[in-house]
Protein backbone atom coordinates (compact mmCIF):
# COMPACT_ATOMS: atom_id res chain seq x y z
CA MET A 1 86.87 104.23 109.55
CA LYS A 2 88.62 107.53 110.07
CA ASP A 3 91.73 105.75 108.80
CA LEU A 4 90.53 106.26 105.23
CA ASP A 5 91.43 109.94 105.47
CA GLN A 6 95.00 109.15 106.42
CA VAL A 7 96.02 106.41 103.97
CA ASN A 8 96.72 106.22 100.26
CA SER A 9 95.66 102.64 99.53
CA LEU A 10 93.27 100.09 101.00
CA ASP A 11 96.24 97.80 101.70
CA GLN A 12 97.28 100.26 104.40
CA ILE A 13 94.15 99.60 106.47
CA LYS A 14 94.44 95.83 106.86
CA TRP A 15 93.73 94.98 110.46
CA ILE A 16 94.10 91.60 112.11
CA PHE A 17 91.76 90.34 114.83
CA GLU A 18 92.21 87.27 116.95
CA PRO A 19 89.14 85.11 116.33
CA ALA A 20 89.15 84.02 119.98
CA LYS A 21 88.52 87.60 121.07
CA ASN A 22 85.45 87.78 118.81
CA PRO A 23 85.08 91.57 118.83
CA THR A 24 81.51 92.80 118.95
CA GLY A 25 79.86 96.01 117.94
CA LYS A 26 77.23 98.08 119.65
CA ALA A 27 74.25 96.27 121.16
CA GLY A 28 76.02 92.92 120.82
CA THR A 29 76.05 92.88 117.03
CA SER A 30 78.87 91.02 115.37
CA PHE A 31 81.98 93.00 114.55
CA LYS A 32 81.38 92.47 110.84
CA ASP A 33 77.75 93.66 111.04
CA ALA A 34 78.78 96.73 113.02
CA MET A 35 81.54 97.56 110.53
CA MET A 36 79.24 97.05 107.53
CA GLN A 37 76.83 99.56 109.03
CA GLN A 38 79.70 102.00 109.55
CA ILE A 39 80.80 101.55 105.93
CA ASP A 40 77.27 102.43 104.79
CA GLU A 41 77.40 105.61 106.89
CA LEU A 42 80.90 106.73 105.83
CA PRO A 43 81.10 110.26 104.41
CA VAL A 44 83.00 108.99 101.37
CA THR A 45 83.45 111.27 98.37
CA ASP A 46 83.94 110.48 94.70
CA ASP A 47 87.47 111.91 95.03
CA MET A 48 88.24 109.37 97.75
CA ALA A 49 86.91 106.61 95.51
CA GLU A 50 89.20 107.69 92.69
CA LYS A 51 92.15 107.84 95.08
CA PHE A 52 91.68 104.33 96.48
CA LEU A 53 90.34 102.55 93.42
CA LYS A 54 92.81 104.30 91.12
CA LYS A 55 90.17 104.88 88.45
CA SER A 56 88.63 108.09 87.19
CA ASP A 57 85.02 107.04 86.60
CA VAL A 58 84.13 105.71 90.05
CA SER A 59 81.84 106.99 92.76
CA ALA A 60 81.63 106.92 96.53
CA ALA A 61 79.14 104.06 96.21
CA ASP A 62 81.75 102.06 94.25
CA LEU A 63 84.29 102.48 97.04
CA LYS A 64 81.78 101.41 99.68
CA MET A 65 80.98 98.32 97.60
CA VAL A 66 84.68 97.41 97.39
CA LEU A 67 85.06 97.85 101.15
CA GLU A 68 82.13 95.53 101.75
CA VAL A 69 83.18 92.93 99.19
CA LYS A 70 86.81 92.88 100.36
CA PHE A 71 85.91 93.16 104.04
CA ASP A 72 87.43 89.81 104.98
CA ASP A 73 90.70 90.68 103.23
CA ILE A 74 90.91 94.06 104.95
CA PHE A 75 89.91 92.83 108.41
CA LYS A 76 91.62 89.44 108.58
CA ARG A 77 90.59 87.16 111.39
C-alpha cells in the first residue's frame, strides 16, 4: 500500500497474481481479506483522494471506497 505515495493514478498500481499461487495474508486470511483490512488502515489524506480521483470535493473515505470497489481490477488474478 506504500505504492500510493509513489504513483499518480490508480492504473499505475495494477498488480497481477497467479491464481494457482493463491497468496494469503497474515494468520491464513485470504489475500483479498488481508488487503481490504490494509486499505481500511491506510493513512490516506483528502489531498491524496483528490489526486487519484481527480475531483475536488472528495475525501480520504471516498478513495478507500474506490480502492475496495475496484479491488479486483487493481489486483487482477
